[in-house]
Amino acid sequence: MPADPAVPAAPRPALRRAIVAIALIAAAVLGGGIATRLWEGRTLRERAEADAVPVVVVHAPGTAEAADSLELPGRIEAYARAPIYARVSGYLKRWYADIGASVKAGQLLAEIETPDLDQQLLQAQAELANARANAALAATTARRWQALLATDSVSQQEVDEKAGDLAARQSQVNALQANVERYQALKRFARIEAPFDGVVTGRSTDVGALINVGSAQGSELFEVSDTSTLRVYVNVPQNYATVVGRGTKASISVPERPGQRYAATVQSLSHAISTQSGSMLVQLTADNADARLLPGGFARVRFDLAPMSGTLTIPSSALIFGKAGLRVATVAADGKVVMKPVTLARDDGATVELAAGLEPGDKVIESPQDGIANGDPVRIAAPAEPATASAHSGKPERARH
């Protein structure tokens, strides 16, 4: 019986296998695409999370093994300085030494005319002469009355009165004699003399000028300074108060002589910390026999000190100033930030020395970002590789055109 052409024939096995293979390939392609998208998404998330963790540069604290150098501003003063004021009033008669003149102790600097004082001295001398005459008369009277007492011509009361009058007259003589000597002593101040060997560093009077007694600021006639040795005053920070002591050597420099340094030695210390500056006043002495240093000037004082024990150095950019005080950010072994409070010993500008707060093995973050806090995760940047140069091969690099 022949087959009906309207009824479809059964699928062949080869066609079935082809269909299954195509389906498997399509499923594999779809699965691979999904897997790829999932892997790329995970990679992007991991990369985003990694990018969110800041990368930091860390440094280990250094140690101050070399000799420490402390340089501070100071001021130079004469070893002895005497502003000379007038002790008597009058007019300047003559002056003998101008500024810059070297003088010896007792040398005459100027003379003052004292007409008022001269008259007062003459009056006091006249009063003394009168009192001496009265005392002499009282002495003669007392002796006579004492002789009359032996003959009972006068009473004992009258003799005692004459003796008392003599004592009063003699006391008046003594008082007037002291007054004359006072005027004579003032008269000697009409001669202005140098109090010690030195240099006249100031003269603020001239011939004919009215001279008034007083020691107000600006009323000095001369100023004499001993500049053979100078005093240098400097305020040493409290951290170095125990390091700088009597006999410590130092060197000073001044702006007017660049490149030159002069030896100085610590002579005395105030042994007290100023509540205003937090520093201790130190006095040094410097030889100035050649007069190369000028009193009253500014100086830079450098102390060569032994390194302070326990101090560590870090970049100044690593310091964090905030309400919690001075701190430094470090990286712990788990890659998280640990904030450590520190004590500053000295600021050298690019670097600072710390007295406490860090250990030699700490990893200090250089230039920490704003808002960094305890527990923040960070990644440590890999150390930079040294740059290669053609000089390593011994041949110069050719210029490219």
Protein backbone atom coordinates (compact mmCIF):
# COMPACT_ATOMS: atom_id res chain seq x y z
CA MET A 1 0.00 0.00 0.00
CA PRO A 2 1.58 3.32 -1.05
CA ALA A 3 2.36 6.08 1.62
CA ASP A 4 0.10 9.06 1.97
CA PRO A 5 1.92 12.13 0.68
CA ALA A 6 -0.03 14.46 3.07
CA VAL A 7 1.49 12.87 6.23
CA PRO A 8 5.04 14.26 7.11
CA ALA A 9 7.85 11.80 7.52
CA ALA A 10 9.44 11.24 10.98
CA PRO A 11 12.59 13.40 11.70
CA ARG A 12 15.80 11.78 11.04
CA PRO A 13 18.32 11.06 13.86
CA ALA A 14 20.97 13.32 12.29
CA LEU A 15 18.64 16.29 12.27
CA ARG A 16 17.77 15.69 15.91
CA ARG A 17 21.41 15.65 16.87
CA ALA A 18 21.99 18.90 14.97
CA ILE A 19 19.19 20.60 16.81
CA VAL A 20 20.53 19.44 20.19
CA ALA A 21 24.03 20.63 19.31
CA ILE A 22 22.76 24.04 18.26
CA ALA A 23 20.82 24.30 21.51
CA LEU A 24 23.90 23.36 23.56
CA ILE A 25 26.05 25.87 21.71
CA ALA A 26 23.48 28.60 22.26
CA ALA A 27 23.28 27.70 25.97
CA ALA A 28 27.10 27.74 26.23
CA VAL A 29 27.35 31.12 24.51
CA LEU A 30 24.64 32.56 26.74
CA GLY A 31 26.22 31.10 29.87
CA GLY A 32 29.65 32.34 28.88
CA GLY A 33 28.30 35.84 28.28
CA ILE A 34 26.56 35.84 31.65
CA ALA A 35 29.69 34.57 33.37
CA THR A 36 31.82 37.16 31.63
CA ARG A 37 29.46 39.94 32.71
CA LEU A 38 29.47 38.66 36.26
CA TRP A 39 33.29 38.44 36.32
CA GLU A 40 33.64 41.93 34.85
CA GLY A 41 31.16 43.32 37.37
CA ARG A 42 33.04 41.71 40.25
CA THR A 43 36.32 43.03 38.87
CA LEU A 44 34.91 46.52 38.58
CA ARG A 45 33.61 46.37 42.13
CA GLU A 46 36.96 45.18 43.43
CA ARG A 47 38.76 47.87 41.46
CA ALA A 48 36.37 50.54 42.75
CA GLU A 49 36.81 49.32 46.30
CA ALA A 50 40.59 49.33 45.83
CA ASP A 51 40.50 52.82 44.36
CA ALA A 52 38.47 54.01 47.34
CA VAL A 53 41.31 53.07 49.72
CA PRO A 54 43.83 55.94 49.72
CA VAL A 55 47.43 55.24 48.82
CA VAL A 56 49.92 56.73 51.27
CA VAL A 57 53.67 57.21 51.36
CA VAL A 58 55.26 56.15 54.63
CA HIS A 59 58.64 56.80 56.23
CA ALA A 60 60.34 55.32 59.25
CA PRO A 61 61.40 57.91 61.85
CA GLY A 62 65.07 58.84 61.72
CA THR A 63 67.41 59.23 64.67
CA ALA A 64 69.48 62.31 65.50
CA GLU A 65 72.86 60.65 65.75
CA ALA A 66 74.99 63.58 64.65
CA ALA A 67 75.81 66.54 66.85
CA ASP A 68 72.85 68.84 67.21
CA SER A 69 73.03 72.49 66.19
CA LEU A 70 70.69 74.98 67.83
CA GLU A 71 70.54 78.43 66.24
CA LEU A 72 68.56 81.22 67.88
CA PRO A 73 68.25 85.01 67.57
CA GLY A 74 70.02 87.14 70.14
CA ARG A 75 70.97 90.71 70.92
CA ILE A 76 74.40 92.15 71.62
CA GLU A 77 75.04 94.51 74.52
CA ALA A 78 78.16 96.19 75.85
CA TYR A 79 79.71 94.44 78.84
CA ALA A 80 79.33 97.66 80.82
CA ARG A 81 77.16 100.60 79.77
CA ALA A 82 76.72 103.82 81.74
CA PRO A 83 74.38 106.65 80.73
CA ILE A 84 75.78 109.74 82.45
CA TYR A 85 73.26 112.24 83.86
CA ALA A 86 73.73 115.66 85.44
CA ARG A 87 73.84 115.91 89.24
CA VAL A 88 73.93 119.73 89.18
CA SER A 89 72.03 122.31 87.20
CA GLY A 90 73.66 124.93 85.02
CA TYR A 91 74.97 125.44 81.51
CA LEU A 92 77.42 123.27 79.63
CA LYS A 93 80.70 125.13 79.59
CA ARG A 94 82.77 122.77 77.43
CA TRP A 95 82.87 119.14 76.29
CA TYR A 96 86.06 117.19 75.58
CA ALA A 97 84.99 113.82 74.09
CA ASP A 98 82.72 113.13 71.14
CA ILE A 99 81.07 109.86 70.09
CA GLY A 100 83.52 107.12 69.18
CA ALA A 101 86.28 108.53 71.39
CA SER A 102 88.15 106.07 73.59
CA VAL A 103 88.33 107.28 77.19
CA LYS A 104 89.97 106.16 80.42
CA ALA A 105 88.40 105.96 83.85
CA GLY A 106 88.31 109.44 85.41
CA GLN A 107 88.95 111.25 82.13
CA LEU A 108 87.16 114.62 81.87
CA LEU A 109 84.26 114.56 79.43
CA ALA A 110 82.67 117.97 80.03
CA GLU A 111 82.36 120.90 82.46
CA ILE A 112 79.20 122.59 83.69
CA GLU A 113 78.92 126.19 84.77
CA THR A 114 76.93 126.35 88.03
CA PRO A 115 76.28 129.99 89.01
CA ASP A 116 73.39 129.12 91.32
CA LEU A 117 75.36 126.43 93.09
CA ASP A 118 78.35 128.73 93.46
CA GLN A 119 76.22 131.31 95.26
CA GLN A 120 74.66 128.67 97.49
CA LEU A 121 78.14 127.46 98.43
CA LEU A 122 79.28 131.00 99.28
CA GLN A 123 76.19 131.54 101.40
CA ALA A 124 76.71 128.27 103.24
CA GLN A 125 80.36 129.14 103.92
CA ALA A 126 79.32 132.56 105.30
CA GLU A 127 76.72 130.97 107.57
CA LEU A 128 79.36 128.52 108.79
CA ALA A 129 81.79 131.34 109.59
CA ASN A 130 79.09 133.17 111.56
CA ALA A 131 78.19 130.04 113.48
CA ARG A 132 81.82 129.37 114.32
CA ALA A 133 82.18 132.93 115.68
CA ASN A 134 79.09 132.50 117.83
CA ALA A 135 80.37 129.16 119.06
CA ALA A 136 83.73 130.69 119.99
CA LEU A 137 81.98 133.44 121.97
CA ALA A 138 79.78 130.88 123.70
CA ALA A 139 82.87 128.85 124.64
CA THR A 140 84.58 131.91 126.17
CA THR A 141 81.42 132.81 128.12
CA ALA A 142 81.03 129.29 129.43
CA ARG A 143 84.63 129.24 130.71
CA ARG A 144 84.20 132.58 132.49
CA TRP A 145 80.99 131.55 134.17
CA GLN A 146 82.62 128.32 135.30
CA ALA A 147 85.40 130.36 136.94
CA LEU A 148 82.87 132.64 138.66
CA LEU A 149 81.12 129.61 140.09
CA ALA A 150 84.22 128.86 142.22
CA THR A 151 83.77 132.25 143.98
CA ASP A 152 80.00 131.80 144.36
CA SER A 153 79.44 134.87 142.17
CA VAL A 154 76.98 132.99 139.94
CA SER A 155 74.63 130.09 140.47
CA GLN A 156 75.05 126.58 139.15
CA GLN A 157 71.91 127.05 137.05
CA GLU A 158 73.47 129.98 135.20
CA VAL A 159 76.67 128.03 134.56
CA ASP A 160 74.65 125.10 133.16
CA GLU A 161 72.75 127.47 130.86
CA LYS A 162 75.99 128.85 129.42
CA ALA A 163 77.35 125.33 128.91
CA GLY A 164 74.14 124.32 127.12
CA ASP A 165 74.33 127.37 124.88
CA LEU A 166 77.88 126.39 123.94
CA ALA A 167 76.74 122.85 123.01
CA ALA A 168 73.91 124.24 120.87
CA ARG A 169 76.27 126.62 119.09
CA GLN A 170 78.70 123.80 118.39
CA SER A 171 75.92 121.61 116.97
CA GLN A 172 74.90 124.45 114.68
CA VAL A 173 78.51 124.70 113.49
CA ASN A 174 78.55 120.98 112.73
CA ALA A 175 75.29 121.22 110.77
CA LEU A 176 76.50 124.17 108.70
CA GLN A 177 79.83 122.44 108.14
CA ALA A 178 77.95 119.41 106.70
CA ASN A 179 75.92 121.77 104.51
CA VAL A 180 79.09 123.33 103.11
CA GLU A 181 80.57 119.91 102.42
CA ARG A 182 77.35 118.92 100.62
CA TYR A 183 77.61 121.90 98.29
CA GLN A 184 81.30 121.21 97.74
CA ALA A 185 80.47 117.61 96.80
CA LEU A 186 77.84 118.83 94.34
CA LYS A 187 80.34 121.28 92.91
CA ARG A 188 82.62 118.39 92.05
CA PHE A 189 79.81 116.98 89.86
CA ALA A 190 80.27 120.00 87.62
CA ARG A 191 83.09 117.95 86.11
CA ILE A 192 81.65 115.07 84.04
CA GLU A 193 84.15 112.20 84.13
CA ALA A 194 84.24 108.75 82.53
CA PRO A 195 83.31 106.03 85.05
CA PHE A 196 85.50 103.35 83.43
CA ASP A 197 87.65 102.63 80.39
CA GLY A 198 85.53 102.46 77.27
CA VAL A 199 84.13 104.27 74.27
CA VAL A 200 81.79 107.26 74.17
CA THR A 201 78.77 105.81 72.38
CA GLY A 202 76.48 108.77 72.89
CA ARG A 203 76.60 112.56 73.37
CA SER A 204 73.31 114.47 73.57
CA THR A 205 74.44 117.92 74.73
CA ASP A 206 76.46 120.84 73.44
CA VAL A 207 78.13 124.02 74.64
CA GLY A 208 75.65 126.47 76.19
CA ALA A 209 72.91 123.88 76.64
CA LEU A 210 70.76 124.21 79.77
CA ILE A 211 71.51 121.34 82.13
CA ASN A 212 68.87 120.12 84.57
CA VAL A 213 69.29 117.60 87.34
CA GLY A 214 67.52 114.31 86.63
CA SER A 215 67.75 110.80 85.26
CA ALA A 216 64.73 110.69 82.97
CA GLN A 217 65.00 108.70 79.77
CA GLY A 218 66.61 110.86 77.10
CA SER A 219 68.17 113.37 79.49
CA GLU A 220 71.59 111.70 79.66
CA LEU A 221 74.53 113.89 78.65
CA PHE A 222 76.89 111.11 77.59
CA GLU A 223 76.91 107.35 77.28
CA VAL A 224 80.08 105.37 77.89
CA SER A 225 80.29 101.68 77.01
CA ASP A 226 82.95 99.06 77.59
CA THR A 227 82.97 97.19 74.27
CA SER A 228 86.20 95.22 74.70
CA THR A 229 83.96 92.37 75.87
CA LEU A 230 80.34 92.00 74.83
CA ARG A 231 77.34 90.35 76.40
CA VAL A 232 75.01 88.37 74.13
CA TYR A 233 71.49 87.62 75.37
CA VAL A 234 69.43 84.80 73.87
CA ASN A 235 66.20 83.05 74.88
CA VAL A 236 66.67 79.27 74.86
CA PRO A 237 63.49 77.12 74.48
CA GLN A 238 62.46 75.14 77.53
CA ASN A 239 63.25 71.83 75.78
CA TYR A 240 66.93 72.84 75.70
CA ALA A 241 67.06 74.47 79.14
CA THR A 242 68.90 71.49 80.61
CA VAL A 243 71.24 71.08 77.63
CA VAL A 244 72.69 74.60 77.61
CA GLY A 245 74.78 75.27 80.71
CA ARG A 246 77.48 77.52 82.04
CA GLY A 247 80.60 77.17 79.89
CA THR A 248 78.75 75.89 76.80
CA LYS A 249 80.52 77.01 73.64
CA ALA A 250 78.69 78.85 70.88
CA SER A 251 79.36 80.99 67.84
CA ILE A 252 77.62 84.16 66.71
CA SER A 253 77.11 85.83 63.35
CA VAL A 254 75.92 89.35 62.52
CA PRO A 255 74.26 90.70 59.36
CA GLU A 256 76.89 93.35 58.72
CA ARG A 257 79.65 90.72 58.47
CA PRO A 258 78.19 87.84 56.44
CA GLY A 259 80.08 84.56 56.43
CA GLN A 260 82.05 85.35 59.59
CA ARG A 261 81.49 83.75 62.98
CA TYR A 262 82.78 84.75 66.38
CA ALA A 263 83.32 82.56 69.42
CA ALA A 264 81.19 83.04 72.53
CA THR A 265 80.77 81.23 75.85
CA VAL A 266 77.74 80.90 78.12
CA GLN A 267 78.50 82.93 81.25
CA SER A 268 75.25 82.79 83.22
CA LEU A 269 71.64 81.62 83.03
CA SER A 270 68.46 82.96 84.57
CA HIS A 271 67.45 79.47 85.81
CA ALA A 272 63.80 80.39 85.23
CA ILE A 273 61.35 79.91 82.39
CA SER A 274 59.50 82.99 81.17
CA THR A 275 55.74 82.52 81.31
CA GLN A 276 55.36 84.73 78.24
CA SER A 277 57.84 83.10 75.87
CA GLY A 278 58.36 79.66 77.43
CA SER A 279 62.13 80.12 77.24
CA MET A 280 65.09 80.72 79.55
CA LEU A 281 67.29 83.82 79.28
CA VAL A 282 70.96 82.94 78.70
CA GLN A 283 73.89 85.37 78.78
CA LEU A 284 77.03 84.74 76.75
CA THR A 285 80.27 86.70 76.56
CA ALA A 286 82.30 87.33 73.43
CA ASP A 287 85.73 88.91 73.09
CA ASN A 288 85.63 92.11 71.05
CA ALA A 289 89.13 93.50 71.42
CA ASP A 290 89.23 94.34 67.71
CA ALA A 291 85.86 96.17 67.94
CA ARG A 292 84.39 94.21 65.02
CA LEU A 293 81.07 93.59 66.80
CA LEU A 294 78.72 96.47 67.55
CA PRO A 295 76.72 96.64 70.80
CA GLY A 296 72.97 96.97 70.49
CA GLY A 297 72.84 94.88 67.31
CA PHE A 298 71.07 91.68 66.28
CA ALA A 299 72.95 88.37 66.14
CA ARG A 300 72.37 84.71 65.34
CA VAL A 301 73.67 82.44 68.10
CA ARG A 302 74.50 78.82 67.26
CA PHE A 303 75.06 76.23 69.97
CA ASP A 304 76.80 72.97 69.05
CA LEU A 305 75.12 70.46 71.34
CA ALA A 306 75.19 66.72 71.85
CA PRO A 307 72.10 65.02 70.34
CA MET A 308 69.14 64.74 72.68
CA SER A 309 68.61 61.14 73.74
CA GLY A 310 65.43 59.50 72.47
CA THR A 311 64.62 62.05 69.80
CA LEU A 312 63.31 60.90 66.41
CA THR A 313 63.07 62.98 63.25
CA ILE A 314 60.15 62.99 60.79
CA PRO A 315 59.08 65.27 57.92
CA SER A 316 57.24 68.33 59.19
CA SER A 317 54.47 67.57 56.68
CA ALA A 318 53.57 64.48 58.73
CA LEU A 319 52.34 66.55 61.68
CA ILE A 320 48.59 66.91 62.21
CA PHE A 321 47.36 69.88 64.26
CA GLY A 322 43.84 69.61 65.68
CA LYS A 323 41.65 69.81 68.75
CA ALA A 324 43.21 66.59 70.00
CA GLY A 325 46.63 68.23 69.97
CA LEU A 326 49.70 67.44 67.92
CA ARG A 327 49.48 63.97 66.36
CA VAL A 328 51.07 61.77 63.70
CA ALA A 329 49.28 59.20 61.51
CA THR A 330 50.95 55.78 61.32
CA VAL A 331 50.06 52.55 59.48
CA ALA A 332 49.62 49.41 61.56
CA ALA A 333 50.40 45.87 60.43
CA ASP A 334 46.75 45.32 59.34
CA GLY A 335 46.93 48.29 56.96
CA LYS A 336 44.82 50.61 59.11
CA VAL A 337 45.62 54.07 60.41
CA VAL A 338 46.71 54.58 64.03
CA MET A 339 46.85 58.17 65.29
CA LYS A 340 49.58 58.81 67.84
CA PRO A 341 49.98 61.95 69.97
CA VAL A 342 53.56 63.25 69.90
CA THR A 343 55.69 65.77 71.79
CA LEU A 344 57.66 68.23 69.69
CA ALA A 345 61.29 68.76 70.69
CA ARG A 346 62.46 71.05 67.91
CA ASP A 347 61.29 72.36 64.56
CA ASP A 348 64.01 72.53 61.90
CA GLY A 349 61.68 73.59 59.11
CA ALA A 350 61.64 70.65 56.68
CA THR A 351 61.97 68.16 59.54
CA VAL A 352 60.98 68.10 63.19
CA GLU A 353 62.43 66.31 66.18
CA LEU A 354 60.05 64.49 68.49
CA ALA A 355 60.78 63.90 72.16
CA ALA A 356 58.06 61.27 72.67
CA GLY A 357 55.16 59.51 70.96
CA LEU A 358 56.80 57.37 68.25
CA GLU A 359 58.86 54.22 68.02
CA PRO A 360 61.76 53.73 65.58
CA GLY A 361 59.84 51.04 63.67
CA ASP A 362 56.62 53.02 63.14
CA LYS A 363 55.43 53.69 59.59
CA VAL A 364 54.70 57.42 59.54
CA ILE A 365 52.40 58.73 56.81
CA GLU A 366 53.88 61.67 54.95
CA SER A 367 51.37 64.43 54.12
CA PRO A 368 48.22 62.67 55.44
CA GLN A 369 44.94 63.66 53.78
CA ASP A 370 42.40 65.82 55.57
CA GLY A 371 39.94 63.98 57.75
CA ILE A 372 42.10 60.91 58.26
CA ALA A 373 41.11 59.04 61.43
CA ASN A 374 41.87 55.97 63.49
CA GLY A 375 40.96 52.73 61.76
CA ASP A 376 40.85 54.09 58.20
CA PRO A 377 42.20 51.50 55.70
CA VAL A 378 45.11 52.67 53.55
CA ARG A 379 47.45 51.17 51.01
CA ILE A 380 51.17 51.79 51.21
CA ALA A 381 52.64 53.02 47.95
CA ALA A 382 55.36 50.89 46.43
CA PRO A 383 58.81 52.42 46.61
CA ALA A 384 59.83 54.24 43.45
CA GLU A 385 62.19 52.36 41.20
CA PRO A 386 65.49 54.07 40.45
CA ALA A 387 65.50 55.76 37.07
CA THR A 388 67.70 54.19 34.44
CA ALA A 389 70.03 56.36 32.45
CA SER A 390 72.22 55.81 29.46
CA ALA A 391 75.15 56.74 31.66
CA HIS A 392 74.93 53.27 33.18
CA SER A 393 76.19 51.82 29.90
CA GLY A 394 79.01 54.28 29.73
CA LYS A 395 77.72 55.74 26.44
CA PRO A 396 76.03 59.09 26.12
CA GLU A 397 72.46 59.09 24.86
CA ARG A 398 72.11 60.38 21.33
CA ALA A 399 70.02 63.41 20.74
CA ARG A 400 66.81 62.69 18.96
CA HIS A 401 65.82 64.86 16.00
